Amino acid sequence: MMMEWWKDCQTEWYNIPLWVWMSGLLILVIWLIQMIFVFRYFLPLTRIKSQEQSIGQKGVSVVVSARNEEHNLMMNVPKWMEQDYPNFELIVVNDSSYDDTGDILDALAVSYPQLHVIHIDEEKQNMQGKKFALTLGIKAAKNEIVLLTDADCTPRSADWIASIVAHYHKGIEVVIGYSPFEKQPGWLNKLIRFDNVMVALYYLGAAKKERPYMGVGRNLSYTPEAFFRVGGFKSHYSIMSGDDDLLVNEIAHKGNTAVVIEKNSQTISKAKKTWKEWVSQKKRHFVTAPLYKSKDKFWLTIYPGTWFLMHGAIIAVLIAFPQAFPIVALLIFRSVCMVWIQFRFLKVTDQPRDIAWWSPILEVHLHFAQVFLYCSNLISKPQKWN
């Protein structure tokens, strides 16, 4: 039976319909676009070398916005204050918390003179999301570099600040860092960590090739001068998210942006534990994408768009003309390359590599989940930050 099936699949090349040849050519072009992304933007991130750390001449203000983060602050404030860097301050903005965040910060400030606390009352809030709190924190910063992170983010090293500052060479105003999620049991955790890696490959790879378009507020640094030059969050203060990606989209450009992904430069946090929490988080992030620069929006649609086109076209051709099955080799080669890229990136950034082996399945799940979330946002946008 196997031999009969094989004979049925044999077709002389001159008997192959013209539409199959044309479809094959289209698939090849789409595949080449995918491979350009893989080798031009993703591959360089697998061989980034560490830079010599700064000796601490530049002053750094670490700015954190915190809303109802009492447990995270009790754990992370000491971690931030134990940084092996001689010239920094920590500014934590208590953003209208209704738990014990304010009291805990005031108590910690007694033990840590470098910790400065700003309290915001609910009635004084006049911006969406974290933007008002971050604006106050950056205005209060006394140093020439601002380093942003979140209350639930823990530095992976006492050299976190030094590793970020080491990239502030002449002309650099923005340093885009990397922040992975902790490994936990379950498929959702794998999907979130995979999503985080894929997003990082996009924005870090683009920035590495001198076309920065976003950063992530869990580990992001820039100069107050660059922040105030564009009016801070003025152009997008009315939406909840965007305090990181939209700001970087505005202030970062070729020549003024650096990328750092080594372990010592990272912060790490726990991923969402339920599907509902993750969906809510992703929906908030999707709100900002339409506000990117036109060239960045176009660039961001190429990879997922060609992914769907390539898979759809191959499936359609195989259904109509099963003899064209060798074309599946293109998918296999691409999948092998992505597994290898993921494995290398996870190794360079010192993360668990389990998701690399699952990446072909995770990628399918993620792409369809993103389509669902995007369509869901067209119907109903998120209304609250927390």
Protein backbone atom coordinates (compact mmCIF):
# COMPACT_ATOMS: atom_id res chain seq x y z
CA MET A 1 0.00 0.00 0.00
CA MET A 2 2.86 2.35 0.84
CA MET A 3 4.46 1.68 -2.55
CA GLU A 4 1.20 2.39 -4.35
CA TRP A 5 0.83 5.70 -2.52
CA TRP A 6 4.40 6.61 -3.45
CA LYS A 7 3.79 5.81 -7.13
CA ASP A 8 0.63 7.92 -7.10
CA CYS A 9 2.68 10.85 -5.82
CA GLN A 10 5.22 10.57 -8.65
CA THR A 11 4.69 13.23 -11.30
CA GLU A 12 7.02 14.28 -14.07
CA TRP A 13 8.02 17.90 -13.68
CA TYR A 14 6.51 18.86 -17.06
CA ASN A 15 3.11 17.50 -15.95
CA ILE A 16 2.91 19.75 -12.89
CA PRO A 17 0.17 22.40 -13.40
CA LEU A 18 1.31 25.97 -13.92
CA TRP A 19 -0.63 27.18 -10.87
CA VAL A 20 1.41 24.80 -8.69
CA TRP A 21 4.66 26.27 -10.02
CA MET A 22 3.37 29.80 -9.40
CA SER A 23 2.17 28.89 -5.91
CA GLY A 24 5.53 27.28 -5.18
CA LEU A 25 7.33 30.44 -6.30
CA LEU A 26 5.11 32.58 -4.07
CA ILE A 27 5.72 30.27 -1.11
CA LEU A 28 9.46 30.44 -1.72
CA VAL A 29 9.42 34.26 -1.71
CA ILE A 30 7.40 34.31 1.52
CA TRP A 31 9.76 31.73 3.05
CA LEU A 32 12.78 33.86 2.12
CA ILE A 33 11.21 36.85 3.90
CA GLN A 34 10.80 34.70 7.00
CA MET A 35 14.42 33.56 6.80
CA ILE A 36 15.62 37.17 6.44
CA PHE A 37 14.01 37.91 9.80
CA VAL A 38 15.54 34.79 11.33
CA PHE A 39 19.10 35.45 10.18
CA ARG A 40 19.21 39.26 10.00
CA TYR A 41 17.35 40.21 13.19
CA PHE A 42 17.17 37.15 15.44
CA LEU A 43 20.55 35.48 14.89
CA PRO A 44 22.73 38.46 15.98
CA LEU A 45 21.14 38.27 19.45
CA THR A 46 22.62 34.81 19.96
CA ARG A 47 26.21 36.08 19.90
CA ILE A 48 26.22 39.33 21.89
CA LYS A 49 29.29 39.66 24.09
CA SER A 50 29.41 41.27 27.53
CA GLN A 51 30.88 44.75 27.82
CA GLU A 52 33.25 45.96 30.48
CA GLN A 53 31.25 47.39 33.37
CA SER A 54 31.24 51.07 34.20
CA ILE A 55 33.31 52.25 37.14
CA GLY A 56 30.32 54.23 38.37
CA GLN A 57 31.06 57.76 37.26
CA LYS A 58 27.56 58.39 35.90
CA GLY A 59 24.80 59.03 38.40
CA VAL A 60 21.74 56.75 38.12
CA SER A 61 18.20 57.22 39.40
CA VAL A 62 16.25 53.96 39.59
CA VAL A 63 12.54 54.85 39.26
CA VAL A 64 9.74 52.48 40.22
CA SER A 65 5.98 53.04 40.13
CA ALA A 66 4.17 50.92 42.72
CA ARG A 67 0.46 50.40 43.27
CA ASN A 68 -0.58 47.89 45.96
CA GLU A 69 2.82 46.19 45.85
CA GLU A 70 3.55 45.72 49.56
CA HIS A 71 4.88 42.15 49.27
CA ASN A 72 7.00 42.79 46.18
CA LEU A 73 8.50 45.95 47.68
CA MET A 74 9.48 44.19 50.91
CA MET A 75 11.37 41.66 48.79
CA ASN A 76 12.85 43.87 46.07
CA VAL A 77 13.76 47.18 47.73
CA PRO A 78 16.68 45.49 49.57
CA LYS A 79 17.73 43.86 46.28
CA TRP A 80 17.76 47.22 44.52
CA MET A 81 19.62 48.88 47.37
CA GLU A 82 22.30 46.14 47.43
CA GLN A 83 23.50 47.04 43.94
CA ASP A 84 27.29 47.20 43.60
CA TYR A 85 27.28 50.70 42.17
CA PRO A 86 28.54 53.75 44.07
CA ASN A 87 26.42 56.54 42.63
CA PHE A 88 22.68 55.83 42.52
CA GLU A 89 19.39 56.63 44.18
CA LEU A 90 16.11 54.72 44.31
CA ILE A 91 12.86 56.61 43.76
CA VAL A 92 9.67 54.66 44.46
CA VAL A 93 6.37 56.37 43.67
CA ASN A 94 3.45 55.06 45.72
CA ASP A 95 0.72 55.37 43.12
CA SER A 96 -2.50 55.71 45.15
CA SER A 97 -2.11 52.35 46.90
CA TYR A 98 -4.83 51.24 49.29
CA ASP A 99 -2.84 48.45 50.96
CA ASP A 100 0.20 48.93 53.25
CA THR A 101 2.54 49.98 50.42
CA GLY A 102 2.90 53.55 51.75
CA ASP A 103 3.71 52.52 55.33
CA ILE A 104 6.19 49.87 54.17
CA LEU A 105 8.00 52.36 51.93
CA ASP A 106 8.22 54.94 54.71
CA ALA A 107 9.66 52.29 57.03
CA LEU A 108 12.19 51.15 54.42
CA ALA A 109 13.25 54.75 53.79
CA VAL A 110 14.46 54.94 57.39
CA SER A 111 16.86 52.05 56.75
CA TYR A 112 17.95 53.17 53.29
CA PRO A 113 18.95 56.85 52.97
CA GLN A 114 19.20 56.48 49.17
CA LEU A 115 15.52 55.55 48.98
CA HIS A 116 13.20 58.44 48.19
CA VAL A 117 9.45 57.90 48.41
CA ILE A 118 6.76 59.93 46.64
CA HIS A 119 3.12 59.43 47.61
CA ILE A 120 0.26 60.15 45.19
CA ASP A 121 -3.33 60.54 46.34
CA GLU A 122 -6.06 59.15 44.11
CA GLU A 123 -7.60 62.55 43.47
CA LYS A 124 -4.29 63.91 42.15
CA GLN A 125 -4.02 61.31 39.40
CA ASN A 126 -4.38 62.94 35.97
CA MET A 127 -2.82 60.39 33.62
CA GLN A 128 -3.69 56.85 32.61
CA GLY A 129 -1.74 53.84 33.87
CA LYS A 130 1.67 54.52 35.41
CA LYS A 131 2.50 57.64 33.46
CA PHE A 132 1.73 60.24 36.13
CA ALA A 133 3.70 58.30 38.74
CA LEU A 134 6.67 57.81 36.42
CA THR A 135 6.62 61.48 35.40
CA LEU A 136 6.84 62.54 39.04
CA GLY A 137 9.64 60.05 39.64
CA ILE A 138 11.65 61.22 36.64
CA LYS A 139 11.13 64.87 37.59
CA ALA A 140 12.48 64.08 41.05
CA ALA A 141 15.53 62.27 39.67
CA LYS A 142 18.80 64.00 40.53
CA ASN A 143 21.03 62.03 38.19
CA GLU A 144 21.87 62.00 34.48
CA ILE A 145 20.51 58.50 33.82
CA VAL A 146 17.09 57.08 34.67
CA LEU A 147 16.69 53.30 35.04
CA LEU A 148 13.12 51.97 35.12
CA THR A 149 11.81 48.70 36.46
CA ASP A 150 8.61 47.36 38.05
CA ALA A 151 7.89 46.57 41.67
CA ASP A 152 7.75 42.83 40.97
CA CYS A 153 11.08 42.74 39.12
CA THR A 154 14.17 41.40 40.88
CA PRO A 155 17.69 42.13 39.56
CA ARG A 156 19.49 38.93 38.61
CA SER A 157 22.78 40.36 39.83
CA ALA A 158 24.25 43.00 42.12
CA ASP A 159 25.81 44.38 38.92
CA TRP A 160 22.47 45.19 37.29
CA ILE A 161 22.96 48.97 37.35
CA ALA A 162 26.63 48.75 36.36
CA SER A 163 25.81 46.48 33.40
CA ILE A 164 23.21 48.94 32.08
CA VAL A 165 25.42 52.01 32.56
CA ALA A 166 28.30 50.29 30.75
CA HIS A 167 26.39 50.83 27.48
CA TYR A 168 26.13 54.60 27.85
CA HIS A 169 28.85 55.51 25.40
CA LYS A 170 29.05 58.81 23.54
CA GLY A 171 25.74 59.69 21.91
CA ILE A 172 23.72 56.96 23.67
CA GLU A 173 20.48 58.19 25.26
CA VAL A 174 18.48 54.95 25.46
CA VAL A 175 19.54 51.51 26.72
CA ILE A 176 17.04 48.73 26.11
CA GLY A 177 17.40 45.84 28.54
CA TYR A 178 15.88 42.38 28.77
CA SER A 179 13.61 40.97 31.46
CA PRO A 180 12.66 37.25 31.42
CA PHE A 181 9.96 35.49 33.43
CA GLU A 182 10.57 32.77 35.99
CA LYS A 183 10.01 29.16 34.95
CA GLN A 184 6.94 27.64 36.59
CA PRO A 185 4.98 24.44 35.89
CA GLY A 186 2.25 24.44 33.25
CA TRP A 187 1.60 25.19 29.58
CA LEU A 188 0.56 28.80 30.24
CA ASN A 189 3.96 29.56 31.76
CA LYS A 190 5.68 28.04 28.72
CA LEU A 191 3.52 30.14 26.39
CA ILE A 192 4.19 33.35 28.32
CA ARG A 193 7.93 32.74 28.42
CA PHE A 194 7.93 31.88 24.71
CA ASP A 195 5.92 35.01 23.93
CA ASN A 196 8.37 37.08 25.96
CA VAL A 197 11.32 35.62 24.05
CA MET A 198 9.67 36.20 20.66
CA VAL A 199 8.81 39.80 21.53
CA ALA A 200 12.40 40.28 22.70
CA LEU A 201 13.79 38.85 19.46
CA TYR A 202 11.71 41.43 17.60
CA TYR A 203 12.49 44.60 19.51
CA LEU A 204 16.04 43.76 20.62
CA GLY A 205 16.95 42.46 17.17
CA ALA A 206 15.54 45.58 15.52
CA ALA A 207 17.38 47.87 17.95
CA LYS A 208 20.59 45.91 17.37
CA LYS A 209 20.19 46.64 13.65
CA GLU A 210 19.71 50.35 14.42
CA ARG A 211 15.95 50.51 13.98
CA PRO A 212 14.68 50.65 17.59
CA TYR A 213 10.92 50.88 17.97
CA MET A 214 10.10 49.81 21.55
CA GLY A 215 11.37 48.75 24.95
CA VAL A 216 9.89 47.06 28.01
CA GLY A 217 9.46 49.00 31.25
CA ARG A 218 10.60 46.07 33.38
CA ASN A 219 14.16 46.92 32.37
CA LEU A 220 14.60 50.16 30.44
CA SER A 221 16.91 53.15 30.75
CA TYR A 222 17.13 56.57 29.17
CA THR A 223 18.30 60.07 29.97
CA PRO A 224 15.87 62.58 31.53
CA GLU A 225 16.97 64.98 28.81
CA ALA A 226 15.61 62.67 26.09
CA PHE A 227 12.40 62.16 28.08
CA PHE A 228 11.66 65.86 28.50
CA ARG A 229 12.75 66.74 24.96
CA VAL A 230 9.62 65.00 23.60
CA GLY A 231 7.41 66.27 26.41
CA GLY A 232 7.46 62.99 28.32
CA PHE A 233 4.21 61.09 27.84
CA LYS A 234 2.38 64.11 26.47
CA SER A 235 1.58 62.62 23.06
CA HIS A 236 -0.10 59.51 24.50
CA TYR A 237 -1.00 60.36 28.10
CA SER A 238 -4.68 59.52 27.50
CA ILE A 239 -4.13 55.76 27.10
CA MET A 240 -3.22 53.33 29.87
CA SER A 241 -0.17 51.65 28.38
CA GLY A 242 2.70 53.05 26.33
CA ASP A 243 4.88 54.37 29.15
CA ASP A 244 7.64 52.17 27.76
CA ASP A 245 7.10 51.18 24.11
CA LEU A 246 5.50 54.40 22.84
CA LEU A 247 8.09 56.54 24.60
CA VAL A 248 10.95 54.53 23.11
CA ASN A 249 9.18 54.74 19.73
CA GLU A 250 9.44 58.51 20.09
CA ILE A 251 12.89 59.08 21.54
CA ALA A 252 14.96 56.17 20.20
CA HIS A 253 16.61 56.31 16.80
CA LYS A 254 19.63 55.07 14.90
CA GLY A 255 22.77 56.02 16.79
CA ASN A 256 21.32 56.86 20.21
CA THR A 257 20.20 53.39 21.33
CA ALA A 258 22.06 50.43 22.83
CA VAL A 259 20.96 46.86 23.61
CA VAL A 260 21.99 44.73 26.59
CA ILE A 261 20.82 41.17 27.30
CA GLU A 262 23.52 39.53 29.43
CA LYS A 263 22.41 37.90 32.71
CA ASN A 264 23.93 40.56 34.98
CA SER A 265 21.89 43.27 33.24
CA GLN A 266 18.52 41.52 33.57
CA THR A 267 15.59 41.78 35.93
CA ILE A 268 13.30 38.80 36.39
CA SER A 269 9.68 38.55 37.47
CA LYS A 270 6.88 36.02 37.86
CA ALA A 271 4.55 35.45 34.92
CA LYS A 272 0.78 35.65 35.16
CA LYS A 273 -0.72 32.51 36.68
CA THR A 274 -4.13 32.43 35.01
CA TRP A 275 -5.28 32.69 31.39
CA LYS A 276 -7.58 35.56 32.32
CA GLU A 277 -4.73 37.63 33.77
CA TRP A 278 -2.51 36.98 30.75
CA VAL A 279 -5.26 37.82 28.26
CA SER A 280 -5.96 41.08 30.11
CA GLN A 281 -2.27 41.97 30.07
CA LYS A 282 -1.86 41.21 26.35
CA LYS A 283 -4.98 43.19 25.45
CA ARG A 284 -3.49 46.25 27.19
CA HIS A 285 -0.27 45.86 25.24
CA PHE A 286 -2.11 45.64 21.92
CA VAL A 287 -3.68 49.05 22.54
CA THR A 288 -0.38 50.82 21.84
CA ALA A 289 0.58 49.12 18.54
CA PRO A 290 -1.66 51.32 16.33
CA LEU A 291 0.17 54.39 17.68
CA TYR A 292 3.62 53.30 16.51
CA LYS A 293 5.27 55.09 13.61
CA SER A 294 3.89 53.91 10.26
CA LYS A 295 7.16 52.29 9.19
CA ASP A 296 7.31 50.33 12.48
CA LYS A 297 3.70 49.16 12.16
CA PHE A 298 4.39 47.92 8.64
CA TRP A 299 7.59 46.18 9.72
CA LEU A 300 5.83 44.46 12.64
CA THR A 301 3.15 42.97 10.39
CA ILE A 302 5.59 41.38 7.94
CA TYR A 303 6.75 38.45 10.07
CA PRO A 304 3.37 37.22 11.43
CA GLY A 305 1.70 38.06 8.12
CA THR A 306 4.13 35.99 6.06
CA TRP A 307 3.93 33.20 8.67
CA PHE A 308 0.19 32.85 8.08
CA LEU A 309 0.56 33.22 4.32
CA MET A 310 3.29 30.59 4.12
CA HIS A 311 1.47 27.98 6.18
CA GLY A 312 -1.89 28.68 4.52
CA ALA A 313 -0.45 28.50 1.02
CA ILE A 314 1.42 25.25 1.68
CA ILE A 315 -1.67 23.60 3.17
CA ALA A 316 -3.81 24.76 0.22
CA VAL A 317 -1.31 23.45 -2.34
CA LEU A 318 -1.01 20.08 -0.59
CA ILE A 319 -4.78 19.64 -0.42
CA ALA A 320 -5.19 20.36 -4.12
CA PHE A 321 -1.95 18.69 -5.29
CA PRO A 322 -0.54 16.15 -2.78
CA GLN A 323 2.41 15.38 -5.06
CA ALA A 324 3.90 18.73 -4.01
CA PHE A 325 4.67 17.38 -0.53
CA PRO A 326 8.47 18.10 -0.82
CA ILE A 327 7.56 21.75 -0.23
CA VAL A 328 7.04 20.83 3.43
CA ALA A 329 10.85 20.77 3.66
CA LEU A 330 10.75 24.59 3.76
CA LEU A 331 8.62 24.49 6.93
CA ILE A 332 10.85 21.88 8.52
CA PHE A 333 14.02 23.86 7.77
CA ARG A 334 12.50 27.05 9.16
CA SER A 335 11.31 25.25 12.31
CA VAL A 336 14.75 23.75 12.88
CA CYS A 337 16.33 27.19 12.51
CA MET A 338 13.90 28.73 15.00
CA VAL A 339 14.51 25.97 17.54
CA TRP A 340 18.23 26.58 17.20
CA ILE A 341 17.83 30.37 17.47
CA GLN A 342 15.66 29.99 20.56
CA PHE A 343 18.11 27.56 22.13
CA ARG A 344 21.07 29.88 21.52
CA PHE A 345 19.23 32.99 22.76
CA LEU A 346 18.10 31.22 25.92
CA LYS A 347 21.67 30.06 26.51
CA VAL A 348 23.13 33.54 26.02
CA THR A 349 20.55 35.05 28.40
CA ASP A 350 20.92 32.17 30.90
CA GLN A 351 17.31 30.98 30.86
CA PRO A 352 15.78 27.49 30.98
CA ARG A 353 15.85 26.06 27.46
CA ASP A 354 12.79 23.82 27.66
CA ILE A 355 10.66 26.17 25.54
CA ALA A 356 13.10 25.92 22.62
CA TRP A 357 12.08 22.31 21.98
CA TRP A 358 8.40 23.24 22.19
CA SER A 359 8.76 26.32 19.99
CA PRO A 360 7.07 24.94 16.80
CA ILE A 361 3.89 24.15 18.76
CA LEU A 362 4.12 27.25 20.94
CA GLU A 363 4.50 29.46 17.89
CA VAL A 364 1.29 28.13 16.33
CA HIS A 365 -0.57 28.63 19.62
CA LEU A 366 0.82 32.14 20.07
CA HIS A 367 0.04 33.38 16.54
CA PHE A 368 -3.59 32.27 16.73
CA ALA A 369 -3.92 33.65 20.27
CA GLN A 370 -2.65 37.03 19.06
CA VAL A 371 -5.20 37.12 16.25
CA PHE A 372 -7.94 36.37 18.77
CA LEU A 373 -6.71 39.05 21.18
CA TYR A 374 -6.38 41.64 18.42
CA CYS A 375 -9.93 40.98 17.22
CA SER A 376 -11.14 41.04 20.82
CA ASN A 377 -9.61 44.49 21.28
CA LEU A 378 -11.54 45.76 18.26
CA ILE A 379 -14.74 44.88 20.10
CA SER A 380 -13.81 45.87 23.64
CA LYS A 381 -10.65 47.63 24.82
CA PRO A 382 -9.38 47.22 28.42
CA GLN A 383 -10.51 50.03 30.72
CA LYS A 384 -8.37 49.53 33.81
CA TRP A 385 -4.67 49.15 34.48
CA ASN A 386 -4.88 47.12 37.70
